[in-house]
C-alpha cells in the first residue's frame, strides 16, 4: 500500500483552496483521505493591519506530517514544496537553465598535473 501526501482541491471556480491530505496513491484526487494534515490557500490575502505584503495561508499539523514521512509516505511535488517551506523537508533542486559550455567550464575546475609530485590536483 503506497501512501502519498498530496493536495486535494476544494473551493469554487477561480478561487481554489487545498487540503493537504494523506491518501493511497491509486485513489482519485478528491476521494476520502486517510488523514487531513492541513490546508493551503494559494490566493494572497492582505495583512490584517493593511501594511506589508499579501501572504498565502498555510496551516499544517507538523507532528502528524513528521509521522507520515517517518512511516514512508511519499509527498507529491507541490506537497514537497509546502513541506519544505515548513522546514520538514529539504527543498528540491530546481535548475534555472541548462548550463552552457562556457559556464560549465567555470563551474567544474579542470585537473592539472603537479610537476613535483606527479599527482592530479584540482586548481
PDB file of N, CA and C in Angstrom:
ATOM      1  N   UNK A   1       0.841  -1.171   0.000  1.00  0.00           N
ATOM      2  CA  UNK A   1       0.000   0.000   0.000  1.00  0.00           C
ATOM      3  C   UNK A   1       0.891   1.240   0.000  1.00  0.00           C
ATOM      4  N   UNK A   2       0.934   1.948  -1.118  1.00  0.00           N
ATOM      5  CA  UNK A   2       1.726   3.166  -1.228  1.00  0.00           C
ATOM      6  C   UNK A   2       0.866   4.337  -0.764  1.00  0.00           C
ATOM      7  N   UNK A   3       1.405   5.099   0.172  1.00  0.00           N
ATOM      8  CA  UNK A   3       0.686   6.245   0.724  1.00  0.00           C
ATOM      9  C   UNK A   3       1.392   7.508   0.268  1.00  0.00           C
ATOM     10  N   UNK A   4       0.607   8.498  -0.184  1.00  0.00           N
ATOM     11  CA  UNK A   4       1.165   9.754  -0.657  1.00  0.00           C
ATOM     12  C   UNK A   4       0.601  10.916   0.144  1.00  0.00           C
ATOM     13  N   UNK A   5       1.424  11.943   0.297  1.00  0.00           N
ATOM     14  CA  UNK A   5       0.966  13.217   0.845  1.00  0.00           C
ATOM     15  C   UNK A   5       0.760  14.117  -0.361  1.00  0.00           C
ATOM     16  N   UNK A   6      -0.461  14.598  -0.548  1.00  0.00           N
ATOM     17  CA  UNK A   6      -0.765  15.389  -1.742  1.00  0.00           C
ATOM     18  C   UNK A   6      -1.833  16.414  -1.421  1.00  0.00           C
ATOM     19  N   UNK A   7      -2.180  17.211  -2.430  1.00  0.00           N
ATOM     20  CA  UNK A   7      -3.174  18.260  -2.269  1.00  0.00           C
ATOM     21  C   UNK A   7      -4.497  17.818  -2.871  1.00  0.00           C
ATOM     22  N   UNK A   8      -5.591  18.072  -2.163  1.00  0.00           N
ATOM     23  CA  UNK A   8      -6.940  17.822  -2.667  1.00  0.00           C
ATOM     24  C   UNK A   8      -7.600  19.183  -2.859  1.00  0.00           C
ATOM     25  N   UNK A   9      -8.089  19.443  -4.070  1.00  0.00           N
ATOM     26  CA  UNK A   9      -8.622  20.765  -4.387  1.00  0.00           C
ATOM     27  C   UNK A   9     -10.082  20.896  -3.970  1.00  0.00           C
ATOM     28  N   UNK A  10     -10.375  22.019  -3.338  1.00  0.00           N
ATOM     29  CA  UNK A  10     -11.735  22.390  -2.973  1.00  0.00           C
ATOM     30  C   UNK A  10     -11.907  23.857  -3.316  1.00  0.00           C
ATOM     31  N   UNK A  11     -13.015  24.450  -2.945  1.00  0.00           N
ATOM     32  CA  UNK A  11     -13.269  25.844  -3.260  1.00  0.00           C
ATOM     33  C   UNK A  11     -14.130  25.956  -4.498  1.00  0.00           C
ATOM     34  N   UNK A  12     -14.210  27.156  -5.026  1.00  0.00           N
ATOM     35  CA  UNK A  12     -15.028  27.352  -6.213  1.00  0.00           C
ATOM     36  C   UNK A  12     -14.146  27.694  -7.396  1.00  0.00           C
ATOM     37  N   UNK A  13     -14.795  27.914  -8.526  1.00  0.00           N
ATOM     38  CA  UNK A  13     -14.054  28.199  -9.747  1.00  0.00           C
ATOM     39  C   UNK A  13     -13.249  29.488  -9.585  1.00  0.00           C
ATOM     40  N   UNK A  14     -12.003  29.464  -9.979  1.00  0.00           N
ATOM     41  CA  UNK A  14     -11.048  30.572  -9.906  1.00  0.00           C
ATOM     42  C   UNK A  14     -10.746  31.024  -8.475  1.00  0.00           C
ATOM     43  N   UNK A  15     -11.131  30.234  -7.498  1.00  0.00           N
ATOM     44  CA  UNK A  15     -10.798  30.511  -6.098  1.00  0.00           C
ATOM     45  C   UNK A  15     -10.464  29.188  -5.415  1.00  0.00           C
ATOM     46  N   UNK A  16      -9.324  28.575  -5.771  1.00  0.00           N
ATOM     47  CA  UNK A  16      -9.016  27.253  -5.222  1.00  0.00           C
ATOM     48  C   UNK A  16      -8.635  27.318  -3.745  1.00  0.00           C
ATOM     49  N   UNK A  17      -8.833  26.200  -3.107  1.00  0.00           N
ATOM     50  CA  UNK A  17      -8.475  26.007  -1.713  1.00  0.00           C
ATOM     51  C   UNK A  17      -8.079  24.542  -1.599  1.00  0.00           C
ATOM     52  N   UNK A  18      -6.950  24.247  -0.992  1.00  0.00           N
ATOM     53  CA  UNK A  18      -6.442  22.878  -0.980  1.00  0.00           C
ATOM     54  C   UNK A  18      -6.361  22.338   0.440  1.00  0.00           C
ATOM     55  N   UNK A  19      -6.698  21.073   0.590  1.00  0.00           N
ATOM     56  CA  UNK A  19      -6.409  20.335   1.816  1.00  0.00           C
ATOM     57  C   UNK A  19      -5.139  19.535   1.572  1.00  0.00           C
ATOM     58  N   UNK A  20      -4.222  19.553   2.525  1.00  0.00           N
ATOM     59  CA  UNK A  20      -3.024  18.718   2.458  1.00  0.00           C
ATOM     60  C   UNK A  20      -3.414  17.401   3.113  1.00  0.00           C
ATOM     61  N   UNK A  21      -3.452  16.327   2.313  1.00  0.00           N
ATOM     62  CA  UNK A  21      -4.020  15.067   2.784  1.00  0.00           C
ATOM     63  C   UNK A  21      -3.029  13.922   2.628  1.00  0.00           C
ATOM     64  N   UNK A  22      -3.270  12.866   3.387  1.00  0.00           N
ATOM     65  CA  UNK A  22      -2.574  11.593   3.232  1.00  0.00           C
ATOM     66  C   UNK A  22      -3.587  10.647   2.620  1.00  0.00           C
ATOM     67  N   UNK A  23      -3.253  10.086   1.443  1.00  0.00           N
ATOM     68  CA  UNK A  23      -4.185   9.200   0.744  1.00  0.00           C
ATOM     69  C   UNK A  23      -3.399   8.099   0.057  1.00  0.00           C
ATOM     70  N   UNK A  24      -4.101   7.027  -0.291  1.00  0.00           N
ATOM     71  CA  UNK A  24      -3.462   5.972  -1.060  1.00  0.00           C
ATOM     72  C   UNK A  24      -3.172   6.499  -2.460  1.00  0.00           C
ATOM     73  N   UNK A  25      -2.095   6.017  -3.056  1.00  0.00           N
ATOM     74  CA  UNK A  25      -1.614   6.570  -4.315  1.00  0.00           C
ATOM     75  C   UNK A  25      -2.587   6.357  -5.467  1.00  0.00           C
ATOM     76  N   UNK A  26      -3.356   5.285  -5.454  1.00  0.00           N
ATOM     77  CA  UNK A  26      -4.216   4.959  -6.590  1.00  0.00           C
ATOM     78  C   UNK A  26      -5.629   5.525  -6.483  1.00  0.00           C
ATOM     79  N   UNK A  27      -5.918   6.286  -5.451  1.00  0.00           N
ATOM     80  CA  UNK A  27      -7.257   6.848  -5.315  1.00  0.00           C
ATOM     81  C   UNK A  27      -7.362   8.170  -6.065  1.00  0.00           C
ATOM     82  N   UNK A  28      -8.597   8.613  -6.300  1.00  0.00           N
ATOM     83  CA  UNK A  28      -8.840   9.871  -7.007  1.00  0.00           C
ATOM     84  C   UNK A  28      -8.378  11.053  -6.160  1.00  0.00           C
ATOM     85  N   UNK A  29      -8.213  12.193  -6.809  1.00  0.00           N
ATOM     86  CA  UNK A  29      -7.662  13.369  -6.147  1.00  0.00           C
ATOM     87  C   UNK A  29      -8.504  13.813  -4.950  1.00  0.00           C
ATOM     88  N   UNK A  30      -9.817  13.857  -5.105  1.00  0.00           N
ATOM     89  CA  UNK A  30     -10.683  14.353  -4.037  1.00  0.00           C
ATOM     90  C   UNK A  30     -11.410  13.243  -3.291  1.00  0.00           C
ATOM     91  N   UNK A  31     -10.924  12.010  -3.384  1.00  0.00           N
ATOM     92  CA  UNK A  31     -11.569  10.917  -2.654  1.00  0.00           C
ATOM     93  C   UNK A  31     -11.298  11.067  -1.154  1.00  0.00           C
ATOM     94  N   UNK A  32     -11.978  10.247  -0.367  1.00  0.00           N
ATOM     95  CA  UNK A  32     -11.835  10.342   1.080  1.00  0.00           C
ATOM     96  C   UNK A  32     -10.404   9.996   1.485  1.00  0.00           C
ATOM     97  N   UNK A  33      -9.711  10.913   2.174  1.00  0.00           N
ATOM     98  CA  UNK A  33      -8.315  10.654   2.552  1.00  0.00           C
ATOM     99  C   UNK A  33      -8.213   9.818   3.817  1.00  0.00           C
ATOM    100  N   UNK A  34      -7.000   9.324   4.057  1.00  0.00           N
ATOM    101  CA  UNK A  34      -6.711   8.635   5.312  1.00  0.00           C
ATOM    102  C   UNK A  34      -6.711   9.655   6.448  1.00  0.00           C
ATOM    103  N   UNK A  35      -6.067  10.813   6.196  1.00  0.00           N
ATOM    104  CA  UNK A  35      -5.986  11.864   7.209  1.00  0.00           C
ATOM    105  C   UNK A  35      -5.768  13.206   6.523  1.00  0.00           C
ATOM    106  N   UNK A  36      -6.345  14.261   7.087  1.00  0.00           N
ATOM    107  CA  UNK A  36      -6.126  15.625   6.606  1.00  0.00           C
ATOM    108  C   UNK A  36      -5.055  16.247   7.498  1.00  0.00           C
ATOM    109  N   UNK A  37      -3.935  16.664   6.876  1.00  0.00           N
ATOM    110  CA  UNK A  37      -2.818  17.229   7.637  1.00  0.00           C
ATOM    111  C   UNK A  37      -2.909  18.738   7.792  1.00  0.00           C
ATOM    112  N   UNK A  38      -3.571  19.402   6.861  1.00  0.00           N
ATOM    113  CA  UNK A  38      -3.645  20.851   6.938  1.00  0.00           C
ATOM    114  C   UNK A  38      -4.335  21.428   5.727  1.00  0.00           C
ATOM    115  N   UNK A  39      -4.208  22.745   5.568  1.00  0.00           N
ATOM    116  CA  UNK A  39      -4.832  23.451   4.451  1.00  0.00           C
ATOM    117  C   UNK A  39      -3.825  24.397   3.814  1.00  0.00           C
ATOM    118  N   UNK A  40      -4.103  24.758   2.560  1.00  0.00           N
ATOM    119  CA  UNK A  40      -3.273  25.705   1.816  1.00  0.00           C
ATOM    120  C   UNK A  40      -4.195  26.569   0.978  1.00  0.00           C
ATOM    121  N   UNK A  41      -4.108  27.874   1.165  1.00  0.00           N
ATOM    122  CA  UNK A  41      -4.896  28.829   0.394  1.00  0.00           C
ATOM    123  C   UNK A  41      -3.936  29.608  -0.501  1.00  0.00           C
ATOM    124  N   UNK A  42      -3.904  29.328  -1.817  1.00  0.00           N
ATOM    125  CA  UNK A  42      -2.921  29.967  -2.693  1.00  0.00           C
ATOM    126  C   UNK A  42      -3.259  31.400  -3.089  1.00  0.00           C
ATOM    127  N   UNK A  43      -4.461  31.877  -2.779  1.00  0.00           N
ATOM    128  CA  UNK A  43      -4.832  33.253  -3.106  1.00  0.00           C
ATOM    129  C   UNK A  43      -4.239  34.169  -2.037  1.00  0.00           C
ATOM    130  N   UNK A  44      -3.383  35.136  -2.430  1.00  0.00           N
ATOM    131  CA  UNK A  44      -2.762  36.013  -1.429  1.00  0.00           C
ATOM    132  C   UNK A  44      -3.806  36.852  -0.685  1.00  0.00           C
ATOM    133  N   UNK A  45      -3.685  36.893   0.625  1.00  0.00           N
ATOM    134  CA  UNK A  45      -4.577  37.666   1.483  1.00  0.00           C
ATOM    135  C   UNK A  45      -3.832  38.896   1.993  1.00  0.00           C
ATOM    136  N   UNK A  46      -4.505  40.058   2.064  1.00  0.00           N
ATOM    137  CA  UNK A  46      -3.827  41.238   2.621  1.00  0.00           C
ATOM    138  C   UNK A  46      -3.634  41.070   4.124  1.00  0.00           C
ATOM    139  N   UNK A  47      -2.563  41.645   4.671  1.00  0.00           N
ATOM    140  CA  UNK A  47      -2.345  41.536   6.120  1.00  0.00           C
ATOM    141  C   UNK A  47      -3.431  42.280   6.898  1.00  0.00           C
ATOM    142  N   UNK A  48      -3.615  41.906   8.165  1.00  0.00           N
ATOM    143  CA  UNK A  48      -4.684  42.469   8.990  1.00  0.00           C
ATOM    144  C   UNK A  48      -4.498  43.965   9.232  1.00  0.00           C
ATOM    145  N   UNK A  49      -3.241  44.406   9.383  1.00  0.00           N
ATOM    146  CA  UNK A  49      -3.010  45.823   9.663  1.00  0.00           C
ATOM    147  C   UNK A  49      -3.034  46.686   8.399  1.00  0.00           C
ATOM    148  N   UNK A  50      -3.108  46.059   7.231  1.00  0.00           N
ATOM    149  CA  UNK A  50      -3.177  46.818   5.982  1.00  0.00           C
ATOM    150  C   UNK A  50      -1.826  47.200   5.422  1.00  0.00           C
ATOM    151  N   UNK A  51      -0.754  46.968   6.161  1.00  0.00           N
ATOM    152  CA  UNK A  51       0.587  47.292   5.685  1.00  0.00           C
ATOM    153  C   UNK A  51       1.363  46.005   5.465  1.00  0.00           C
ATOM    154  N   UNK A  52       2.271  46.041   4.526  1.00  0.00           N
ATOM    155  CA  UNK A  52       3.086  44.869   4.251  1.00  0.00           C
ATOM    156  C   UNK A  52       2.596  44.119   3.029  1.00  0.00           C
ATOM    157  N   UNK A  53       3.259  43.014   2.755  1.00  0.00           N
ATOM    158  CA  UNK A  53       2.943  42.217   1.575  1.00  0.00           C
ATOM    159  C   UNK A  53       1.792  41.259   1.851  1.00  0.00           C
ATOM    160  N   UNK A  54       0.985  40.961   0.827  1.00  0.00           N
ATOM    161  CA  UNK A  54      -0.030  39.913   0.989  1.00  0.00           C
ATOM    162  C   UNK A  54       0.651  38.559   1.207  1.00  0.00           C
ATOM    163  N   UNK A  55      -0.042  37.649   1.865  1.00  0.00           N
ATOM    164  CA  UNK A  55       0.550  36.350   2.170  1.00  0.00           C
ATOM    165  C   UNK A  55      -0.421  35.236   1.815  1.00  0.00           C
ATOM    166  N   UNK A  56       0.135  34.051   1.564  1.00  0.00           N
ATOM    167  CA  UNK A  56      -0.647  32.849   1.296  1.00  0.00           C
ATOM    168  C   UNK A  56      -0.724  32.046   2.589  1.00  0.00           C
ATOM    169  N   UNK A  57      -1.902  31.579   2.916  1.00  0.00           N
ATOM    170  CA  UNK A  57      -2.142  30.916   4.195  1.00  0.00           C
ATOM    171  C   UNK A  57      -1.836  29.425   4.088  1.00  0.00           C
ATOM    172  N   UNK A  58      -0.903  28.941   4.925  1.00  0.00           N
ATOM    173  CA  UNK A  58      -0.571  27.516   5.008  1.00  0.00           C
ATOM    174  C   UNK A  58      -0.735  27.097   6.465  1.00  0.00           C
ATOM    175  N   UNK A  59      -1.612  26.139   6.708  1.00  0.00           N
ATOM    176  CA  UNK A  59      -1.798  25.583   8.051  1.00  0.00           C
ATOM    177  C   UNK A  59      -1.484  24.097   7.968  1.00  0.00           C
ATOM    178  N   UNK A  60      -0.594  23.629   8.855  1.00  0.00           N
ATOM    179  CA  UNK A  60      -0.108  22.260   8.767  1.00  0.00           C
ATOM    180  C   UNK A  60       0.127  21.698  10.161  1.00  0.00           C
ATOM    181  N   UNK A  61      -0.319  20.477  10.387  1.00  0.00           N
ATOM    182  CA  UNK A  61      -0.041  19.758  11.627  1.00  0.00           C
ATOM    183  C   UNK A  61       1.319  19.080  11.445  1.00  0.00           C
ATOM    184  N   UNK A  62       2.376  19.731  11.938  1.00  0.00           N
ATOM    185  CA  UNK A  62       3.733  19.250  11.674  1.00  0.00           C
ATOM    186  C   UNK A  62       4.021  17.915  12.352  1.00  0.00           C
ATOM    187  N   UNK A  63       3.441  17.684  13.511  1.00  0.00           N
ATOM    188  CA  UNK A  63       3.691  16.412  14.204  1.00  0.00           C
ATOM    189  C   UNK A  63       3.162  15.242  13.380  1.00  0.00           C
ATOM    190  N   UNK A  64       1.960  15.371  12.829  1.00  0.00           N
ATOM    191  CA  UNK A  64       1.390  14.299  12.016  1.00  0.00           C
ATOM    192  C   UNK A  64       2.123  14.179  10.681  1.00  0.00           C
ATOM    193  N   UNK A  65       2.566  15.302  10.119  1.00  0.00           N
ATOM    194  CA  UNK A  65       3.320  15.250   8.868  1.00  0.00           C
ATOM    195  C   UNK A  65       4.642  14.517   9.083  1.00  0.00           C
ATOM    196  N   UNK A  66       5.325  14.786  10.204  1.00  0.00           N
ATOM    197  CA  UNK A  66       6.565  14.074  10.522  1.00  0.00           C
ATOM    198  C   UNK A  66       6.302  12.582  10.679  1.00  0.00           C
ATOM    199  N   UNK A  67       5.178  12.233  11.316  1.00  0.00           N
ATOM    200  CA  UNK A  67       4.838  10.824  11.493  1.00  0.00           C
ATOM    201  C   UNK A  67       4.679  10.144  10.138  1.00  0.00           C
ATOM    202  N   UNK A  68       3.889  10.738   9.244  1.00  0.00           N
ATOM    203  CA  UNK A  68       3.633  10.102   7.954  1.00  0.00           C
ATOM    204  C   UNK A  68       4.895  10.038   7.102  1.00  0.00           C
ATOM    205  N   UNK A  69       5.751  11.052   7.179  1.00  0.00           N
ATOM    206  CA  UNK A  69       7.027  10.981   6.460  1.00  0.00           C
ATOM    207  C   UNK A  69       7.904   9.884   7.059  1.00  0.00           C
ATOM    208  N   UNK A  70       7.833   9.703   8.369  1.00  0.00           N
ATOM    209  CA  UNK A  70       8.625   8.679   9.046  1.00  0.00           C
ATOM    210  C   UNK A  70       8.214   7.264   8.692  1.00  0.00           C
ATOM    211  N   UNK A  71       6.933   7.045   8.410  1.00  0.00           N
ATOM    212  CA  UNK A  71       6.477   5.700   8.062  1.00  0.00           C
ATOM    213  C   UNK A  71       6.527   5.455   6.560  1.00  0.00           C
ATOM    214  N   UNK A  72       7.018   6.428   5.787  1.00  0.00           N
ATOM    215  CA  UNK A  72       7.271   6.185   4.373  1.00  0.00           C
ATOM    216  C   UNK A  72       6.304   6.804   3.390  1.00  0.00           C
ATOM    217  N   UNK A  73       5.481   7.750   3.811  1.00  0.00           N
ATOM    218  CA  UNK A  73       4.585   8.423   2.868  1.00  0.00           C
ATOM    219  C   UNK A  73       5.415   9.272   1.912  1.00  0.00           C
ATOM    220  N   UNK A  74       5.063   9.233   0.628  1.00  0.00           N
ATOM    221  CA  UNK A  74       5.815   9.950  -0.396  1.00  0.00           C
ATOM    222  C   UNK A  74       5.066  11.218  -0.779  1.00  0.00           C
ATOM    223  N   UNK A  75       5.655  12.402  -0.579  1.00  0.00           N
ATOM    224  CA  UNK A  75       4.958  13.634  -0.938  1.00  0.00           C
ATOM    225  C   UNK A  75       4.995  13.883  -2.444  1.00  0.00           C
ATOM    226  N   UNK A  76       3.913  14.459  -2.968  1.00  0.00           N
ATOM    227  CA  UNK A  76       3.900  14.888  -4.362  1.00  0.00           C
ATOM    228  C   UNK A  76       4.769  16.144  -4.469  1.00  0.00           C
ATOM    229  N   UNK A  77       5.036  16.602  -5.688  1.00  0.00           N
ATOM    230  CA  UNK A  77       5.902  17.773  -5.862  1.00  0.00           C
ATOM    231  C   UNK A  77       5.335  19.032  -5.195  1.00  0.00           C
ATOM    232  N   UNK A  78       4.040  19.376  -5.377  1.00  0.00           N
ATOM    233  CA  UNK A  78       3.522  20.548  -4.664  1.00  0.00           C
ATOM    234  C   UNK A  78       3.536  20.363  -3.141  1.00  0.00           C
ATOM    235  N   UNK A  79       3.247  19.155  -2.673  1.00  0.00           N
ATOM    236  CA  UNK A  79       3.279  18.899  -1.231  1.00  0.00           C
ATOM    237  C   UNK A  79       4.714  18.988  -0.715  1.00  0.00           C
ATOM    238  N   UNK A  80       5.680  18.527  -1.500  1.00  0.00           N
ATOM    239  CA  UNK A  80       7.099  18.626  -1.113  1.00  0.00           C
ATOM    240  C   UNK A  80       7.476  20.095  -0.919  1.00  0.00           C
ATOM    241  N   UNK A  81       7.010  20.956  -1.835  1.00  0.00           N
ATOM    242  CA  UNK A  81       7.321  22.384  -1.748  1.00  0.00           C
ATOM    243  C   UNK A  81       6.738  22.980  -0.466  1.00  0.00           C
ATOM    244  N   UNK A  82       5.497  22.631  -0.138  1.00  0.00           N
ATOM    245  CA  UNK A  82       4.874  23.157   1.078  1.00  0.00           C
ATOM    246  C   UNK A  82       5.543  22.605   2.334  1.00  0.00           C
ATOM    247  N   UNK A  83       5.903  21.330   2.329  1.00  0.00           N
ATOM    248  CA  UNK A  83       6.576  20.740   3.488  1.00  0.00           C
ATOM    249  C   UNK A  83       7.982  21.309   3.664  1.00  0.00           C
ATOM    250  N   UNK A  84       8.640  21.676   2.557  1.00  0.00           N
ATOM    251  CA  UNK A  84       9.963  22.294   2.678  1.00  0.00           C
ATOM    252  C   UNK A  84       9.844  23.718   3.215  1.00  0.00           C
ATOM    253  N   UNK A  85       8.741  24.414   2.899  1.00  0.00           N
ATOM    254  CA  UNK A  85       8.516  25.746   3.486  1.00  0.00           C
ATOM    255  C   UNK A  85       8.322  25.650   4.995  1.00  0.00           C
ATOM    256  N   UNK A  86       7.728  24.553   5.443  1.00  0.00           N
ATOM    257  CA  UNK A  86       7.507  24.342   6.876  1.00  0.00           C
ATOM    258  C   UNK A  86       8.766  23.835   7.575  1.00  0.00           C
ATOM    259  N   UNK A  87       9.801  23.495   6.814  1.00  0.00           N
ATOM    260  CA  UNK A  87      11.056  23.035   7.397  1.00  0.00           C
ATOM    261  C   UNK A  87      11.110  21.547   7.661  1.00  0.00           C
ATOM    262  N   UNK A  88      10.186  20.774   7.098  1.00  0.00           N
ATOM    263  CA  UNK A  88      10.179  19.329   7.321  1.00  0.00           C
ATOM    264  C   UNK A  88      11.022  18.579   6.300  1.00  0.00           C
ATOM    265  N   UNK A  89      11.192  19.136   5.119  1.00  0.00           N
ATOM    266  CA  UNK A  89      11.983  18.511   4.058  1.00  0.00           C
ATOM    267  C   UNK A  89      12.963  19.540   3.510  1.00  0.00           C
ATOM    268  N   UNK A  90      14.029  19.034   2.893  1.00  0.00           N
ATOM    269  CA  UNK A  90      14.942  19.950   2.225  1.00  0.00           C
ATOM    270  C   UNK A  90      14.344  20.309   0.867  1.00  0.00           C
ATOM    271  N   UNK A  91      14.503  21.548   0.404  1.00  0.00           N
ATOM    272  CA  UNK A  91      13.941  21.924  -0.896  1.00  0.00           C
ATOM    273  C   UNK A  91      14.584  21.131  -2.021  1.00  0.00           C
ATOM    274  N   UNK A  92      13.774  20.778  -3.011  1.00  0.00           N
ATOM    275  CA  UNK A  92      14.304  20.080  -4.178  1.00  0.00           C
ATOM    276  C   UNK A  92      15.094  21.066  -5.026  1.00  0.00           C
ATOM    277  N   UNK A  93      16.137  20.579  -5.668  1.00  0.00           N
ATOM    278  CA  UNK A  93      16.941  21.409  -6.553  1.00  0.00           C
ATOM    279  C   UNK A  93      16.153  21.663  -7.823  1.00  0.00           C
ATOM    280  N   UNK A  94      16.006  22.926  -8.175  1.00  0.00           N
ATOM    281  CA  UNK A  94      15.306  23.291  -9.396  1.00  0.00           C
ATOM    282  C   UNK A  94      16.276  24.064 -10.281  1.00  0.00           C
ATOM    283  N   UNK A  95      16.826  23.425 -11.313  1.00  0.00           N
ATOM    284  CA  UNK A  95      17.776  24.134 -12.168  1.00  0.00           C
ATOM    285  C   UNK A  95      17.084  25.258 -12.917  1.00  0.00           C
ATOM    286  N   UNK A  96      17.766  26.406 -12.983  1.00  0.00           N
ATOM    287  CA  UNK A  96      17.179  27.554 -13.670  1.00  0.00           C
ATOM    288  C   UNK A  96      17.291  27.401 -15.178  1.00  0.00           C
ATOM    289  N   UNK A  97      18.377  26.830 -15.652  1.00  0.00           N
ATOM    290  CA  UNK A  97      18.572  26.605 -17.081  1.00  0.00           C
ATOM    291  C   UNK A  97      19.693  25.586 -17.247  1.00  0.00           C
ATOM    292  N   UNK A  98      19.785  25.008 -18.427  1.00  0.00           N
ATOM    293  CA  UNK A  98      20.880  24.084 -18.685  1.00  0.00           C
ATOM    294  C   UNK A  98      22.161  24.888 -18.827  1.00  0.00           C
ATOM    295  N   UNK A  99      23.254  24.427 -18.231  1.00  0.00           N
ATOM    296  CA  UNK A  99      24.495  25.195 -18.310  1.00  0.00           C
ATOM    297  C   UNK A  99      25.076  25.172 -19.719  1.00  0.00           C
ATOM    298  N   UNK A 100      25.549  26.314 -20.154  1.00  0.00           N
ATOM    299  CA  UNK A 100      26.222  26.401 -21.446  1.00  0.00           C
ATOM    300  C   UNK A 100      27.654  25.924 -21.268  1.00  0.00           C
ATOM    301  N   UNK A 101      28.356  25.583 -22.347  1.00  0.00           N
ATOM    302  CA  UNK A 101      29.742  25.119 -22.194  1.00  0.00           C
ATOM    303  C   UNK A 101      30.641  26.132 -21.498  1.00  0.00           C
ATOM    304  N   UNK A 102      30.412  27.428 -21.702  1.00  0.00           N
ATOM    305  CA  UNK A 102      31.251  28.439 -21.069  1.00  0.00           C
ATOM    306  C   UNK A 102      31.031  28.461 -19.556  1.00  0.00           C
ATOM    307  N   UNK A 103      29.781  28.366 -19.118  1.00  0.00           N
ATOM    308  CA  UNK A 103      29.527  28.381 -17.681  1.00  0.00           C
ATOM    309  C   UNK A 103      29.877  27.045 -17.042  1.00  0.00           C
ATOM    310  N   UNK A 104      29.738  25.957 -17.784  1.00  0.00           N
ATOM    311  CA  UNK A 104      30.097  24.650 -17.241  1.00  0.00           C
ATOM    312  C   UNK A 104      31.596  24.576 -16.981  1.00  0.00           C
ATOM    313  N   UNK A 105      32.398  25.202 -17.836  1.00  0.00           N
ATOM    314  CA  UNK A 105      33.845  25.198 -17.643  1.00  0.00           C
ATOM    315  C   UNK A 105      34.229  26.008 -16.408  1.00  0.00           C
ATOM    316  N   UNK A 106      33.490  27.080 -16.129  1.00  0.00           N
ATOM    317  CA  UNK A 106      33.815  27.879 -14.955  1.00  0.00           C
ATOM    318  C   UNK A 106      33.345  27.204 -13.668  1.00  0.00           C
ATOM    319  N   UNK A 107      32.329  26.353 -13.751  1.00  0.00           N
ATOM    320  CA  UNK A 107      31.822  25.662 -12.569  1.00  0.00           C
ATOM    321  C   UNK A 107      32.706  24.475 -12.208  1.00  0.00           C
ATOM    322  N   UNK A 108      33.094  23.676 -13.200  1.00  0.00           N
ATOM    323  CA  UNK A 108      33.872  22.466 -12.964  1.00  0.00           C
ATOM    324  C   UNK A 108      35.344  22.768 -13.247  1.00  0.00           C
ATOM    325  N   UNK A 109      36.184  22.810 -12.213  1.00  0.00           N
ATOM    326  CA  UNK A 109      37.602  23.084 -12.455  1.00  0.00           C
ATOM    327  C   UNK A 109      38.284  21.871 -13.087  1.00  0.00           C
ATOM    328  N   UNK A 110      39.253  22.160 -13.913  1.00  0.00           N
ATOM    329  CA  UNK A 110      39.993  21.082 -14.576  1.00  0.00           C
ATOM    330  C   UNK A 110      41.106  20.581 -13.660  1.00  0.00           C
ATOM    331  N   UNK A 111      41.447  19.330 -13.804  1.00  0.00           N
ATOM    332  CA  UNK A 111      42.536  18.748 -13.023  1.00  0.00           C
ATOM    333  C   UNK A 111      43.859  19.060 -13.712  1.00  0.00           C
ATOM    334  N   UNK A 112      44.844  19.425 -12.942  1.00  0.00           N
ATOM    335  CA  UNK A 112      46.159  19.703 -13.512  1.00  0.00           C
ATOM    336  C   UNK A 112      47.184  18.788 -12.843  1.00  0.00           C
ATOM    337  N   UNK A 113      48.271  18.553 -13.529  1.00  0.00           N
ATOM    338  CA  UNK A 113      49.314  17.674 -13.016  1.00  0.00           C
ATOM    339  C   UNK A 113      50.344  18.520 -12.291  1.00  0.00           C
ATOM    340  N   UNK A 114      50.626  18.158 -11.059  1.00  0.00           N
ATOM    341  CA  UNK A 114      51.639  18.846 -10.292  1.00  0.00           C
ATOM    342  C   UNK A 114      53.007  18.373 -10.783  1.00  0.00           C
ATOM    343  N   UNK A 115      53.898  19.309 -11.067  1.00  0.00           N
ATOM    344  CA  UNK A 115      55.195  18.971 -11.650  1.00  0.00           C
ATOM    345  C   UNK A 115      56.083  18.215 -10.664  1.00  0.00           C
ATOM    346  N   UNK A 116      56.036  18.550  -9.385  1.00  0.00           N
ATOM    347  CA  UNK A 116      56.958  17.927  -8.453  1.00  0.00           C
ATOM    348  C   UNK A 116      56.456  16.579  -7.925  1.00  0.00           C
ATOM    349  N   UNK A 117      55.164  16.355  -7.838  1.00  0.00           N
ATOM    350  CA  UNK A 117      54.681  15.105  -7.264  1.00  0.00           C
ATOM    351  C   UNK A 117      54.035  14.193  -8.297  1.00  0.00           C
ATOM    352  N   UNK A 118      53.633  14.720  -9.442  1.00  0.00           N
ATOM    353  CA  UNK A 118      53.004  13.895 -10.460  1.00  0.00           C
ATOM    354  C   UNK A 118      51.615  13.408 -10.055  1.00  0.00           C
ATOM    355  N   UNK A 119      50.920  14.174  -9.232  1.00  0.00           N
ATOM    356  CA  UNK A 119      49.590  13.804  -8.753  1.00  0.00           C
ATOM    357  C   UNK A 119      48.587  14.815  -9.290  1.00  0.00           C
ATOM    358  N   UNK A 120      47.404  14.322  -9.651  1.00  0.00           N
ATOM    359  CA  UNK A 120      46.361  15.239 -10.107  1.00  0.00           C
ATOM    360  C   UNK A 120      45.863  16.068  -8.929  1.00  0.00           C
ATOM    361  N   UNK A 121      45.804  17.355  -9.111  1.00  0.00           N
ATOM    362  CA  UNK A 121      45.297  18.255  -8.078  1.00  0.00           C
ATOM    363  C   UNK A 121      44.300  19.209  -8.717  1.00  0.00           C
ATOM    364  N   UNK A 122      43.271  19.506  -8.016  1.00  0.00           N
ATOM    365  CA  UNK A 122      42.261  20.431  -8.529  1.00  0.00           C
ATOM    366  C   UNK A 122      42.718  21.841  -8.245  1.00  0.00           C
ATOM    367  N   UNK A 123      42.696  22.672  -9.283  1.00  0.00           N
ATOM    368  CA  UNK A 123      43.151  24.060  -9.148  1.00  0.00           C
ATOM    369  C   UNK A 123      41.968  24.967  -8.975  1.00  0.00           C
TER     370      UNK A 123
END
